[in-house]
Amino acid sequence: MIEVINLKKEFKKVNAVNDISFKVCEGEIVGLLGENGAGKTTTLRMLATMLKPTGGTAKINGFDIMSESDKVRGQIGILFGGEVGLYDRLTARENIRYFAELNGMSKDETNKSIENLTKALGMEEYIDRRVGKFSRGMKQKVAIARSIVHEPKVMLFDEPTAGLDVTSAKIVQDFIKRCKEENRAIIFSSHSMAEVEKLCDRIVIINKGRIVEEGTVQQLKEKYKNNDMEEIFMSLVGGEKNEK
C-alpha cells in the first residue's frame, strides 16, 4: 500500500508539491493527473526516493521514504516515459540482470525471474541480443522486465506511453493491467484521458502542487454532471499553464 502524508517539495521558494495526502491500496490503480508542472513527476520521484521531501512523508508498504529509503527502494518498480534508459551495448538479459543485482537478488533468483519474464513478455527470440538495435516496442518490454525483476509490490508509472506507437502503448497498458491482477498498488500518471478512464480505479487531480479533486471516474462525472472527463479536468485546473 502507498500512503502519502502531507507531502511537500519546495524549489527556490516555489511549492512544487504543497501538502498533499492520499492512499493507494493493493490491487488498485490510482491516476495522478495534472497539467505539465502541476507536481506529478515531483511527487513520483519523492515516492521513489529520488528526491527528498521538504516536508511530510510517505509510506510504501509500511516503510517510510524519509527514514527507510533503502527498504522502500526494494518495494517499488518504476516505469517512466520517454527514453527507457537501457544500456545499448548490453543484451536484454544483461540489462535486466544488472537491475536485479542492484536490488540484491541472488544469482538463482535472478535467473529464475528473467526466465519467467522472458516467457511472459515473449522475448525469447532476442533476450540474448544487444538492445542497441531493438525496436521501441522491444525496448519497452525490456524496460518492463527490468522494472519488475525483483517482484515489487508497488508500481510507479510516469507517463509510460508518452511518444509510443499504438502497439508499444498497448504493451504497457496490458502490463499495467497485469500489475493490478497481481495485487500491486499502482500510481499511474498520464496526459491521455482515454487511458485514465480505461485503466484507473480512482483519480487524484493536482493543480499547482495541491490536490483539487479525488474520486472514481463515475463519481466525478456524477458530481460535475458531465460525461466528458477532459472538460471536468479543464474546469478544475482552469486551463492554466503552470510553471514547474
C-alpha atoms as a PDB file:
ATOM      1  CA  MET A   1       0.000   0.000   0.000  1.00  0.00           C
ATOM      2  CA  ILE A   2       1.019   3.610  -0.606  1.00  0.00           C
ATOM      3  CA  GLU A   3       0.208   6.271   1.960  1.00  0.00           C
ATOM      4  CA  VAL A   4       1.138   9.877   1.114  1.00  0.00           C
ATOM      5  CA  ILE A   5       1.097  12.092   4.200  1.00  0.00           C
ATOM      6  CA  ASN A   6       1.205  15.917   3.903  1.00  0.00           C
ATOM      7  CA  LEU A   7       3.949  15.626   1.296  1.00  0.00           C
ATOM      8  CA  LYS A   8       5.731  18.841   0.279  1.00  0.00           C
ATOM      9  CA  LYS A   9       8.551  19.845  -2.045  1.00  0.00           C
ATOM     10  CA  GLU A  10       9.893  23.359  -2.488  1.00  0.00           C
ATOM     11  CA  PHE A  11      12.211  24.512  -5.283  1.00  0.00           C
ATOM     12  CA  LYS A  12      13.663  28.022  -4.913  1.00  0.00           C
ATOM     13  CA  LYS A  13      10.756  29.102  -2.677  1.00  0.00           C
ATOM     14  CA  VAL A  14       8.184  27.674  -5.101  1.00  0.00           C
ATOM     15  CA  ASN A  15       5.937  24.932  -3.738  1.00  0.00           C
ATOM     16  CA  ALA A  16       6.060  22.300  -6.470  1.00  0.00           C
ATOM     17  CA  VAL A  17       4.148  19.900  -4.210  1.00  0.00           C
ATOM     18  CA  ASN A  18       2.154  21.523  -1.425  1.00  0.00           C
ATOM     19  CA  ASP A  19       0.834  19.395   1.437  1.00  0.00           C
ATOM     20  CA  ILE A  20      -0.793  16.515  -0.457  1.00  0.00           C
ATOM     21  CA  SER A  21      -2.192  13.335   1.092  1.00  0.00           C
ATOM     22  CA  PHE A  22      -3.784  10.270  -0.486  1.00  0.00           C
ATOM     23  CA  LYS A  23      -3.705   6.467  -0.321  1.00  0.00           C
ATOM     24  CA  VAL A  24      -3.401   3.644  -2.834  1.00  0.00           C
ATOM     25  CA  CYS A  25      -4.458   0.147  -1.794  1.00  0.00           C
ATOM     26  CA  GLU A  26      -3.249  -3.224  -3.044  1.00  0.00           C
ATOM     27  CA  GLY A  27      -4.767  -4.143  -6.387  1.00  0.00           C
ATOM     28  CA  GLU A  28      -5.747  -0.536  -7.081  1.00  0.00           C
ATOM     29  CA  ILE A  29      -4.705   1.813  -9.896  1.00  0.00           C
ATOM     30  CA  VAL A  30      -4.830   5.480  -8.955  1.00  0.00           C
ATOM     31  CA  GLY A  31      -4.407   8.023 -11.746  1.00  0.00           C
ATOM     32  CA  LEU A  32      -2.344  11.093 -10.875  1.00  0.00           C
ATOM     33  CA  LEU A  33      -3.473  13.864 -13.213  1.00  0.00           C
ATOM     34  CA  GLY A  34      -2.392  17.452 -13.752  1.00  0.00           C
ATOM     35  CA  GLU A  35      -1.001  19.815 -16.353  1.00  0.00           C
ATOM     36  CA  ASN A  36       2.735  19.998 -17.002  1.00  0.00           C
ATOM     37  CA  GLY A  37       4.386  21.430 -13.906  1.00  0.00           C
ATOM     38  CA  ALA A  38       1.493  20.573 -11.596  1.00  0.00           C
ATOM     39  CA  GLY A  39       3.716  18.396  -9.405  1.00  0.00           C
ATOM     40  CA  LYS A  40       3.027  14.867 -10.672  1.00  0.00           C
ATOM     41  CA  THR A  41       6.582  13.875 -11.572  1.00  0.00           C
ATOM     42  CA  THR A  42       7.978  15.551  -8.463  1.00  0.00           C
ATOM     43  CA  THR A  43       5.553  13.526  -6.346  1.00  0.00           C
ATOM     44  CA  LEU A  44       6.512  10.254  -8.030  1.00  0.00           C
ATOM     45  CA  ARG A  45      10.224  10.997  -7.694  1.00  0.00           C
ATOM     46  CA  MET A  46       9.793  11.621  -3.971  1.00  0.00           C
ATOM     47  CA  LEU A  47       7.902   8.339  -3.576  1.00  0.00           C
ATOM     48  CA  ALA A  48      10.738   6.613  -5.459  1.00  0.00           C
ATOM     49  CA  THR A  49      13.258   8.230  -3.030  1.00  0.00           C
ATOM     50  CA  MET A  50      14.896  10.062  -5.953  1.00  0.00           C
ATOM     51  CA  LEU A  51      14.045  13.419  -4.359  1.00  0.00           C
ATOM     52  CA  LYS A  52      13.964  14.300  -0.679  1.00  0.00           C
ATOM     53  CA  PRO A  53      10.721  15.969   0.500  1.00  0.00           C
ATOM     54  CA  THR A  54      10.802  19.420   2.054  1.00  0.00           C
ATOM     55  CA  GLY A  55       8.058  18.337   4.442  1.00  0.00           C
ATOM     56  CA  GLY A  56       5.687  15.485   5.183  1.00  0.00           C
ATOM     57  CA  THR A  57       6.434  11.922   4.180  1.00  0.00           C
ATOM     58  CA  ALA A  58       5.002   8.784   2.593  1.00  0.00           C
ATOM     59  CA  LYS A  59       4.925   5.109   3.479  1.00  0.00           C
ATOM     60  CA  ILE A  60       5.408   2.319   0.976  1.00  0.00           C
ATOM     61  CA  ASN A  61       4.161  -0.975   2.424  1.00  0.00           C
ATOM     62  CA  GLY A  62       4.836   0.451   5.864  1.00  0.00           C
ATOM     63  CA  PHE A  63       8.347   1.738   5.122  1.00  0.00           C
ATOM     64  CA  ASP A  64       8.949   5.487   5.469  1.00  0.00           C
ATOM     65  CA  ILE A  65      10.514   7.226   2.454  1.00  0.00           C
ATOM     66  CA  MET A  66      12.472   9.550   4.751  1.00  0.00           C
ATOM     67  CA  SER A  67      13.912   7.166   7.339  1.00  0.00           C
ATOM     68  CA  GLU A  68      13.798   3.824   5.479  1.00  0.00           C
ATOM     69  CA  SER A  69      14.640   4.776   1.891  1.00  0.00           C
ATOM     70  CA  ASP A  70      16.739   1.627   1.270  1.00  0.00           C
ATOM     71  CA  LYS A  71      13.808  -0.605   2.216  1.00  0.00           C
ATOM     72  CA  VAL A  72      11.414   1.495   0.151  1.00  0.00           C
ATOM     73  CA  ARG A  73      13.509   1.033  -2.994  1.00  0.00           C
ATOM     74  CA  GLY A  74      13.159  -2.727  -2.677  1.00  0.00           C
ATOM     75  CA  GLN A  75       9.366  -2.383  -2.645  1.00  0.00           C
ATOM     76  CA  ILE A  76       8.916  -0.318  -5.805  1.00  0.00           C
ATOM     77  CA  GLY A  77       9.121  -0.734  -9.554  1.00  0.00           C
ATOM     78  CA  ILE A  78       9.393   2.338 -11.775  1.00  0.00           C
ATOM     79  CA  LEU A  79       8.489   2.821 -15.432  1.00  0.00           C
ATOM     80  CA  PHE A  80       8.852   6.356 -16.760  1.00  0.00           C
ATOM     81  CA  GLY A  81       8.022   7.582 -20.250  1.00  0.00           C
ATOM     82  CA  GLY A  82      10.460   8.944 -22.808  1.00  0.00           C
ATOM     83  CA  GLU A  83      13.875   7.336 -23.169  1.00  0.00           C
ATOM     84  CA  VAL A  84      13.868   3.941 -21.459  1.00  0.00           C
ATOM     85  CA  GLY A  85      17.491   4.253 -20.327  1.00  0.00           C
ATOM     86  CA  LEU A  86      18.765   0.833 -21.359  1.00  0.00           C
ATOM     87  CA  TYR A  87      22.449   0.115 -21.989  1.00  0.00           C
ATOM     88  CA  ASP A  88      22.734  -0.354 -25.761  1.00  0.00           C
ATOM     89  CA  ARG A  89      25.898  -2.461 -25.628  1.00  0.00           C
ATOM     90  CA  LEU A  90      24.391  -4.971 -23.219  1.00  0.00           C
ATOM     91  CA  THR A  91      21.969  -7.711 -24.152  1.00  0.00           C
ATOM     92  CA  ALA A  92      18.388  -7.626 -22.921  1.00  0.00           C
ATOM     93  CA  ARG A  93      19.262 -10.307 -20.359  1.00  0.00           C
ATOM     94  CA  GLU A  94      22.287  -8.354 -19.140  1.00  0.00           C
ATOM     95  CA  ASN A  95      20.240  -5.170 -18.759  1.00  0.00           C
ATOM     96  CA  ILE A  96      17.649  -6.968 -16.647  1.00  0.00           C
ATOM     97  CA  ARG A  97      20.281  -8.848 -14.623  1.00  0.00           C
ATOM     98  CA  TYR A  98      22.080  -5.597 -13.784  1.00  0.00           C
ATOM     99  CA  PHE A  99      18.969  -4.178 -12.123  1.00  0.00           C
ATOM    100  CA  ALA A 100      18.302  -7.452 -10.339  1.00  0.00           C
ATOM    101  CA  GLU A 101      21.784  -7.240  -8.839  1.00  0.00           C
ATOM    102  CA  LEU A 102      21.159  -3.632  -7.783  1.00  0.00           C
ATOM    103  CA  ASN A 103      18.172  -4.929  -5.844  1.00  0.00           C
ATOM    104  CA  GLY A 104      20.264  -7.538  -4.047  1.00  0.00           C
ATOM    105  CA  MET A 105      18.836 -10.623  -5.748  1.00  0.00           C
ATOM    106  CA  SER A 106      20.822 -13.845  -5.743  1.00  0.00           C
ATOM    107  CA  LYS A 107      22.035 -15.421  -8.984  1.00  0.00           C
ATOM    108  CA  ASP A 108      19.436 -18.193  -8.795  1.00  0.00           C
ATOM    109  CA  GLU A 109      16.606 -15.762  -8.027  1.00  0.00           C
ATOM    110  CA  THR A 110      17.699 -13.545 -10.900  1.00  0.00           C
ATOM    111  CA  ASN A 111      17.918 -16.352 -13.434  1.00  0.00           C
ATOM    112  CA  LYS A 112      14.519 -17.723 -12.455  1.00  0.00           C
ATOM    113  CA  SER A 113      12.855 -14.295 -12.616  1.00  0.00           C
ATOM    114  CA  ILE A 114      14.423 -13.471 -16.005  1.00  0.00           C
ATOM    115  CA  GLU A 115      13.293 -16.776 -17.485  1.00  0.00           C
ATOM    116  CA  ASN A 116       9.732 -16.211 -16.257  1.00  0.00           C
ATOM    117  CA  LEU A 117       9.646 -12.657 -17.598  1.00  0.00           C
ATOM    118  CA  THR A 118      11.161 -13.692 -20.933  1.00  0.00           C
ATOM    119  CA  LYS A 119       8.320 -16.141 -21.485  1.00  0.00           C
ATOM    120  CA  ALA A 120       5.610 -13.837 -20.127  1.00  0.00           C
ATOM    121  CA  LEU A 121       6.663 -10.946 -22.395  1.00  0.00           C
ATOM    122  CA  GLY A 122       7.517 -13.056 -25.437  1.00  0.00           C
ATOM    123  CA  MET A 123      11.189 -12.060 -25.555  1.00  0.00           C
ATOM    124  CA  GLU A 124      12.682 -15.494 -26.275  1.00  0.00           C
ATOM    125  CA  GLU A 125      13.956 -14.531 -29.741  1.00  0.00           C
ATOM    126  CA  TYR A 126      16.002 -11.545 -28.596  1.00  0.00           C
ATOM    127  CA  ILE A 127      16.724 -11.910 -24.877  1.00  0.00           C
ATOM    128  CA  ASP A 128      20.428 -12.508 -25.622  1.00  0.00           C
ATOM    129  CA  ARG A 129      20.803  -9.821 -28.285  1.00  0.00           C
ATOM    130  CA  ARG A 130      22.206  -6.344 -27.675  1.00  0.00           C
ATOM    131  CA  VAL A 131      19.419  -3.811 -27.240  1.00  0.00           C
ATOM    132  CA  GLY A 132      21.034  -1.045 -29.327  1.00  0.00           C
ATOM    133  CA  LYS A 133      19.192  -2.072 -32.491  1.00  0.00           C
ATOM    134  CA  PHE A 134      15.908  -3.057 -30.862  1.00  0.00           C
ATOM    135  CA  SER A 135      12.596  -1.538 -31.941  1.00  0.00           C
ATOM    136  CA  ARG A 136      10.832   0.761 -29.478  1.00  0.00           C
ATOM    137  CA  GLY A 137       8.393  -2.000 -28.563  1.00  0.00           C
ATOM    138  CA  MET A 138      11.185  -4.481 -27.878  1.00  0.00           C
ATOM    139  CA  LYS A 139      12.988  -1.941 -25.694  1.00  0.00           C
ATOM    140  CA  GLN A 140       9.765  -1.249 -23.846  1.00  0.00           C
ATOM    141  CA  LYS A 141       9.427  -4.931 -22.960  1.00  0.00           C
ATOM    142  CA  VAL A 142      12.977  -4.996 -21.614  1.00  0.00           C
ATOM    143  CA  ALA A 143      12.246  -1.867 -19.569  1.00  0.00           C
ATOM    144  CA  ILE A 144       9.120  -3.534 -18.184  1.00  0.00           C
ATOM    145  CA  ALA A 145      11.056  -6.669 -17.244  1.00  0.00           C
ATOM    146  CA  ARG A 146      13.734  -4.549 -15.596  1.00  0.00           C
ATOM    147  CA  SER A 147      11.131  -2.716 -13.523  1.00  0.00           C
ATOM    148  CA  ILE A 148       9.623  -5.887 -12.009  1.00  0.00           C
ATOM    149  CA  VAL A 149      12.502  -8.378 -11.984  1.00  0.00           C
ATOM    150  CA  HIS A 150      12.637  -8.036  -8.165  1.00  0.00           C
ATOM    151  CA  GLU A 151       8.843  -8.573  -7.868  1.00  0.00           C
ATOM    152  CA  PRO A 152       7.949  -5.212  -6.278  1.00  0.00           C
ATOM    153  CA  LYS A 153       4.620  -4.735  -4.510  1.00  0.00           C
ATOM    154  CA  VAL A 154       4.268  -1.117  -5.658  1.00  0.00           C
ATOM    155  CA  MET A 155       4.486   0.292  -9.205  1.00  0.00           C
ATOM    156  CA  LEU A 156       5.018   3.924 -10.207  1.00  0.00           C
ATOM    157  CA  PHE A 157       4.214   4.880 -13.814  1.00  0.00           C
ATOM    158  CA  ASP A 158       5.054   8.398 -15.018  1.00  0.00           C
ATOM    159  CA  GLU A 159       3.539   8.888 -18.491  1.00  0.00           C
ATOM    160  CA  PRO A 160       4.860   5.465 -19.573  1.00  0.00           C
ATOM    161  CA  THR A 161       3.193   5.561 -23.012  1.00  0.00           C
ATOM    162  CA  ALA A 162       4.413   9.045 -23.970  1.00  0.00           C
ATOM    163  CA  GLY A 163       5.761   9.014 -27.530  1.00  0.00           C
ATOM    164  CA  LEU A 164       4.919   5.357 -28.130  1.00  0.00           C
ATOM    165  CA  ASP A 165       3.111   3.999 -31.161  1.00  0.00           C
ATOM    166  CA  VAL A 166      -0.181   2.132 -30.703  1.00  0.00           C
ATOM    167  CA  THR A 167       1.442  -1.312 -30.451  1.00  0.00           C
ATOM    168  CA  SER A 168       4.052  -0.258 -27.894  1.00  0.00           C
ATOM    169  CA  ALA A 169       1.462   1.643 -25.857  1.00  0.00           C
ATOM    170  CA  LYS A 170      -0.735  -1.483 -25.775  1.00  0.00           C
ATOM    171  CA  ILE A 171       2.202  -3.462 -24.350  1.00  0.00           C
ATOM    172  CA  VAL A 172       2.475  -1.001 -21.472  1.00  0.00           C
ATOM    173  CA  GLN A 173      -1.284  -0.870 -20.867  1.00  0.00           C
ATOM    174  CA  ASP A 174      -1.506  -4.664 -20.739  1.00  0.00           C
ATOM    175  CA  PHE A 175       1.408  -4.695 -18.303  1.00  0.00           C
ATOM    176  CA  ILE A 176      -0.361  -2.211 -16.031  1.00  0.00           C
ATOM    177  CA  LYS A 177      -3.479  -4.399 -16.046  1.00  0.00           C
ATOM    178  CA  ARG A 178      -1.304  -7.389 -15.174  1.00  0.00           C
ATOM    179  CA  CYS A 179       0.162  -5.499 -12.215  1.00  0.00           C
ATOM    180  CA  LYS A 180      -3.364  -4.875 -10.921  1.00  0.00           C
ATOM    181  CA  GLU A 181      -4.253  -8.560 -11.311  1.00  0.00           C
ATOM    182  CA  GLU A 182      -1.140  -9.387  -9.278  1.00  0.00           C
ATOM    183  CA  ASN A 183      -2.466  -7.167  -6.471  1.00  0.00           C
ATOM    184  CA  ARG A 184       0.184  -4.459  -6.702  1.00  0.00           C
ATOM    185  CA  ALA A 185      -0.516  -0.892  -5.577  1.00  0.00           C
ATOM    186  CA  ILE A 186      -0.176   1.353  -8.639  1.00  0.00           C
ATOM    187  CA  ILE A 187       0.135   5.076  -9.331  1.00  0.00           C
ATOM    188  CA  PHE A 188      -0.338   5.968 -12.983  1.00  0.00           C
ATOM    189  CA  SER A 189       0.348   9.424 -14.428  1.00  0.00           C
ATOM    190  CA  SER A 190      -0.841  10.157 -17.962  1.00  0.00           C
ATOM    191  CA  HIS A 191      -1.991  13.005 -20.205  1.00  0.00           C
ATOM    192  CA  SER A 192      -4.334  10.654 -22.047  1.00  0.00           C
ATOM    193  CA  MET A 193      -7.805  10.827 -20.526  1.00  0.00           C
ATOM    194  CA  ALA A 194      -8.807   7.769 -22.558  1.00  0.00           C
ATOM    195  CA  GLU A 195      -6.036   5.769 -20.864  1.00  0.00           C
ATOM    196  CA  VAL A 196      -7.030   7.065 -17.464  1.00  0.00           C
ATOM    197  CA  GLU A 197     -10.671   6.096 -17.921  1.00  0.00           C
ATOM    198  CA  LYS A 198      -9.640   2.705 -19.262  1.00  0.00           C
ATOM    199  CA  LEU A 199      -7.169   1.790 -16.518  1.00  0.00           C
ATOM    200  CA  CYS A 200      -7.755   3.728 -13.298  1.00  0.00           C
ATOM    201  CA  ASP A 201      -9.936   2.805 -10.326  1.00  0.00           C
ATOM    202  CA  ARG A 202      -9.629   6.292  -8.846  1.00  0.00           C
ATOM    203  CA  ILE A 203      -8.240   9.664  -9.927  1.00  0.00           C
ATOM    204  CA  VAL A 204      -6.297  12.287  -7.977  1.00  0.00           C
ATOM    205  CA  ILE A 205      -6.124  15.659  -9.756  1.00  0.00           C
ATOM    206  CA  ILE A 206      -3.298  18.055  -8.867  1.00  0.00           C
ATOM    207  CA  ASN A 207      -3.112  21.735  -9.747  1.00  0.00           C
ATOM    208  CA  LYS A 208      -0.219  23.998  -8.717  1.00  0.00           C
ATOM    209  CA  GLY A 209       1.044  21.380  -6.304  1.00  0.00           C
ATOM    210  CA  ARG A 210      -2.269  20.852  -4.494  1.00  0.00           C
ATOM    211  CA  ILE A 211      -4.938  18.171  -4.788  1.00  0.00           C
ATOM    212  CA  VAL A 212      -8.074  19.791  -6.182  1.00  0.00           C
ATOM    213  CA  GLU A 213     -10.242  16.685  -6.633  1.00  0.00           C
ATOM    214  CA  GLU A 214     -10.277  12.955  -5.981  1.00  0.00           C
ATOM    215  CA  GLY A 215     -12.668  10.108  -6.781  1.00  0.00           C
ATOM    216  CA  THR A 216     -13.635   7.448  -9.296  1.00  0.00           C
ATOM    217  CA  VAL A 217     -14.347   8.420 -12.885  1.00  0.00           C
ATOM    218  CA  GLN A 218     -18.039   7.748 -12.340  1.00  0.00           C
ATOM    219  CA  GLN A 219     -18.135   9.762  -9.107  1.00  0.00           C
ATOM    220  CA  LEU A 220     -16.570  12.770 -10.814  1.00  0.00           C
ATOM    221  CA  LYS A 221     -18.905  12.547 -13.807  1.00  0.00           C
ATOM    222  CA  GLU A 222     -21.917  12.426 -11.488  1.00  0.00           C
ATOM    223  CA  LYS A 223     -20.618  15.206  -9.214  1.00  0.00           C
ATOM    224  CA  TYR A 224     -19.982  17.620 -12.091  1.00  0.00           C
ATOM    225  CA  LYS A 225     -22.934  16.394 -14.193  1.00  0.00           C
ATOM    226  CA  ASN A 226     -20.655  15.885 -17.193  1.00  0.00           C
ATOM    227  CA  ASN A 227     -19.631  12.706 -19.019  1.00  0.00           C
ATOM    228  CA  ASP A 228     -16.574  14.333 -20.586  1.00  0.00           C
ATOM    229  CA  MET A 229     -13.584  13.855 -18.248  1.00  0.00           C
ATOM    230  CA  GLU A 230     -11.455  16.276 -20.262  1.00  0.00           C
ATOM    231  CA  GLU A 231     -13.990  19.038 -19.662  1.00  0.00           C
ATOM    232  CA  ILE A 232     -14.141  18.193 -15.957  1.00  0.00           C
ATOM    233  CA  PHE A 233     -10.362  18.239 -15.752  1.00  0.00           C
ATOM    234  CA  MET A 234     -10.075  21.597 -17.511  1.00  0.00           C
ATOM    235  CA  SER A 235     -12.721  23.135 -15.261  1.00  0.00           C
ATOM    236  CA  LEU A 236     -10.732  22.063 -12.192  1.00  0.00           C
ATOM    237  CA  VAL A 237      -7.312  23.259 -13.336  1.00  0.00           C
ATOM    238  CA  GLY A 238      -8.623  26.371 -15.078  1.00  0.00           C
ATOM    239  CA  GLY A 239      -6.778  25.581 -18.301  1.00  0.00           C
ATOM    240  CA  GLU A 240      -3.735  27.376 -16.937  1.00  0.00           C
ATOM    241  CA  LYS A 241      -0.178  26.557 -17.884  1.00  0.00           C
ATOM    242  CA  ASN A 242       1.710  26.012 -14.682  1.00  0.00           C
ATOM    243  CA  GLU A 243       5.424  26.535 -14.236  1.00  0.00           C
ATOM    244  CA  LYS A 244       7.474  23.815 -12.648  1.00  0.00           C
END
